[in-house]
Protein backbone atom coordinates (compact mmCIF):
# COMPACT_ATOMS: atom_id res chain seq x y z
CA MET A 1 46.68 21.86 -86.20
CA ALA A 2 44.17 20.71 -83.61
CA PRO A 3 41.03 19.00 -84.94
CA SER A 4 38.11 21.32 -85.58
CA GLY A 5 35.79 21.49 -82.59
CA SER A 6 38.40 20.28 -80.11
CA PRO A 7 39.08 22.40 -77.01
CA VAL A 8 42.53 23.31 -78.33
CA HIS A 9 41.15 24.35 -81.72
CA ASP A 10 38.43 26.44 -80.07
CA ALA A 11 40.97 28.07 -77.76
CA LEU A 12 43.21 28.92 -80.71
CA LEU A 13 40.30 30.48 -82.59
CA GLY A 14 39.38 32.47 -79.49
CA ASP A 15 42.95 33.75 -79.21
CA LEU A 16 43.05 34.60 -82.90
CA LEU A 17 39.77 36.49 -82.60
CA TYR A 18 40.87 38.31 -79.44
CA PHE A 19 44.12 39.56 -80.98
CA SER A 20 42.52 40.24 -84.38
CA VAL A 21 39.97 42.56 -82.78
CA ALA A 22 42.77 44.41 -80.98
CA ALA A 23 44.83 44.70 -84.17
CA LYS A 24 41.83 46.03 -86.10
CA LEU A 25 41.07 48.58 -83.38
CA PHE A 26 44.65 49.87 -83.44
CA ASP A 27 44.97 49.71 -87.24
CA PRO A 28 41.76 49.92 -89.30
CA ALA A 29 43.66 48.59 -92.35
CA PHE A 30 44.31 45.26 -90.57
CA THR A 31 42.53 42.29 -92.11
CA ALA A 32 41.72 39.38 -89.82
CA ALA A 33 42.24 35.77 -90.88
CA ASP A 34 39.35 34.20 -92.78
CA ALA A 35 38.52 31.90 -89.84
CA VAL A 36 37.56 34.84 -87.60
CA ARG A 37 37.06 37.77 -89.98
CA ALA A 38 33.26 37.95 -89.75
CA GLN A 39 33.28 37.71 -85.96
CA ALA A 40 36.12 40.21 -85.60
CA ASP A 41 34.40 42.71 -87.88
CA ALA A 42 31.15 42.37 -85.92
CA VAL A 43 32.89 42.91 -82.58
CA VAL A 44 34.85 45.89 -83.93
CA SER A 45 31.63 47.38 -85.28
CA ASN A 46 29.98 47.09 -81.85
CA ILE A 47 33.01 48.66 -80.21
CA GLN A 48 33.13 51.52 -82.73
CA THR A 49 29.45 52.33 -82.16
CA ALA A 50 29.73 51.67 -78.40
CA ALA A 51 26.47 49.74 -78.52
CA GLY A 52 25.20 46.32 -77.53
CA GLU A 53 26.84 43.51 -75.66
CA LEU A 54 28.47 40.18 -76.27
CA PRO A 55 26.43 37.61 -74.29
CA SER A 56 28.38 35.29 -72.03
CA ARG A 57 27.32 32.15 -73.95
CA VAL A 58 29.27 33.39 -76.99
CA ASN A 59 31.78 35.47 -75.08
CA PHE A 60 35.25 34.05 -75.63
CA LEU A 61 36.59 36.61 -73.13
CA GLY A 62 35.36 34.56 -70.21
CA PRO A 63 32.39 34.58 -67.87
CA GLY A 64 29.95 37.48 -68.01
CA ASN A 65 28.72 39.76 -70.76
CA GLU A 66 30.95 42.28 -72.51
CA ASP A 67 29.17 45.65 -72.47
CA PHE A 68 30.24 47.60 -75.55
CA THR A 69 28.87 50.89 -74.20
CA GLN A 70 32.05 51.01 -72.08
CA TYR A 71 34.03 51.64 -75.27
CA LYS A 72 32.61 55.14 -75.73
CA VAL A 73 35.70 57.31 -76.02
CA ARG A 74 35.96 59.87 -73.25
CA GLY A 75 38.28 62.45 -71.78
CA HIS A 76 41.44 63.49 -73.57
CA TYR A 77 41.18 60.39 -75.79
CA GLN A 78 38.59 62.28 -77.83
CA ARG A 79 41.23 64.72 -79.13
CA ASN A 80 42.16 62.80 -82.27
CA GLU A 81 41.70 59.55 -84.14
CA SER A 82 44.97 58.03 -82.91
CA LEU A 83 43.99 58.53 -79.27
CA GLN A 84 40.52 57.14 -79.96
CA ARG A 85 42.02 54.01 -81.52
CA TYR A 86 44.40 53.67 -78.56
CA PHE A 87 41.53 54.01 -76.07
CA ARG A 88 39.38 51.38 -77.77
CA GLY A 89 42.27 48.97 -78.33
CA MET A 90 43.49 49.17 -74.76
CA MET A 91 39.96 48.84 -73.38
CA TRP A 92 39.56 45.69 -75.46
CA LEU A 93 42.87 44.22 -74.32
CA ALA A 94 42.05 45.02 -70.68
CA ALA A 95 38.63 43.36 -70.92
CA THR A 96 40.03 39.85 -70.57
CA ILE A 97 40.78 38.42 -67.17
CA PHE A 98 43.41 35.71 -67.21
CA PHE A 99 43.12 33.51 -64.15
CA CYS A 100 46.09 31.80 -62.58
CA ARG A 101 45.46 28.07 -62.37
CA THR A 102 48.48 26.94 -60.38
CA ARG A 103 51.53 28.44 -58.80
CA PRO A 104 54.23 26.18 -57.41
CA LYS A 105 55.78 27.00 -54.04
CA ARG A 106 58.86 29.19 -54.15
CA SER A 107 58.20 30.22 -57.70
CA PRO A 108 58.39 33.79 -58.88
CA PRO A 109 55.09 35.67 -58.65
CA PHE A 110 53.98 34.32 -61.99
CA CYS A 111 51.39 31.72 -62.80
CA SER A 112 52.48 28.48 -64.36
CA GLU A 113 49.25 28.25 -66.33
CA PHE A 114 46.59 30.77 -67.34
CA THR A 115 42.93 30.28 -68.17
CA ARG A 116 40.14 32.63 -69.18
CA ASP A 117 37.33 30.76 -67.46
CA GLY A 118 38.70 30.64 -63.93
CA THR A 119 39.10 26.86 -63.84
C-alpha cells in the first residue's frame, strides 16, 4: 500500500470514493469502505437531494465544480426507483473526464495513460 498522503495513496482513495459513490447510487444497500464512507455518504446525499456543489478544491473528479442540481431525475427516468437509480449512477459515472496523457504513433486509438487533471 502506498504511504498515506502520497500521490498514489490519494489517487487510490479518489478512485475508491468515485466507484463507491457509483455503487451506492446503483445499490442503496452498498456500504463503502471505512476510508471513504463519510465522504461517499455525503456525496450520495447531495446527489439524492440534487442540491449543492462539490467545490473544485475538494473535487476529486478533476478541475471545476460538480453541480449536484444536474442530478435531478427527469424524463422517463422518473417512472420508478430503478430508473432513478440508473439515472443518478450514470450521471455520476459520466461526470468524470479522463484525459489522455500520451498516445504513441501507430497505436490503436487508445491512450497509453489517463489522468483526471488534464496533465
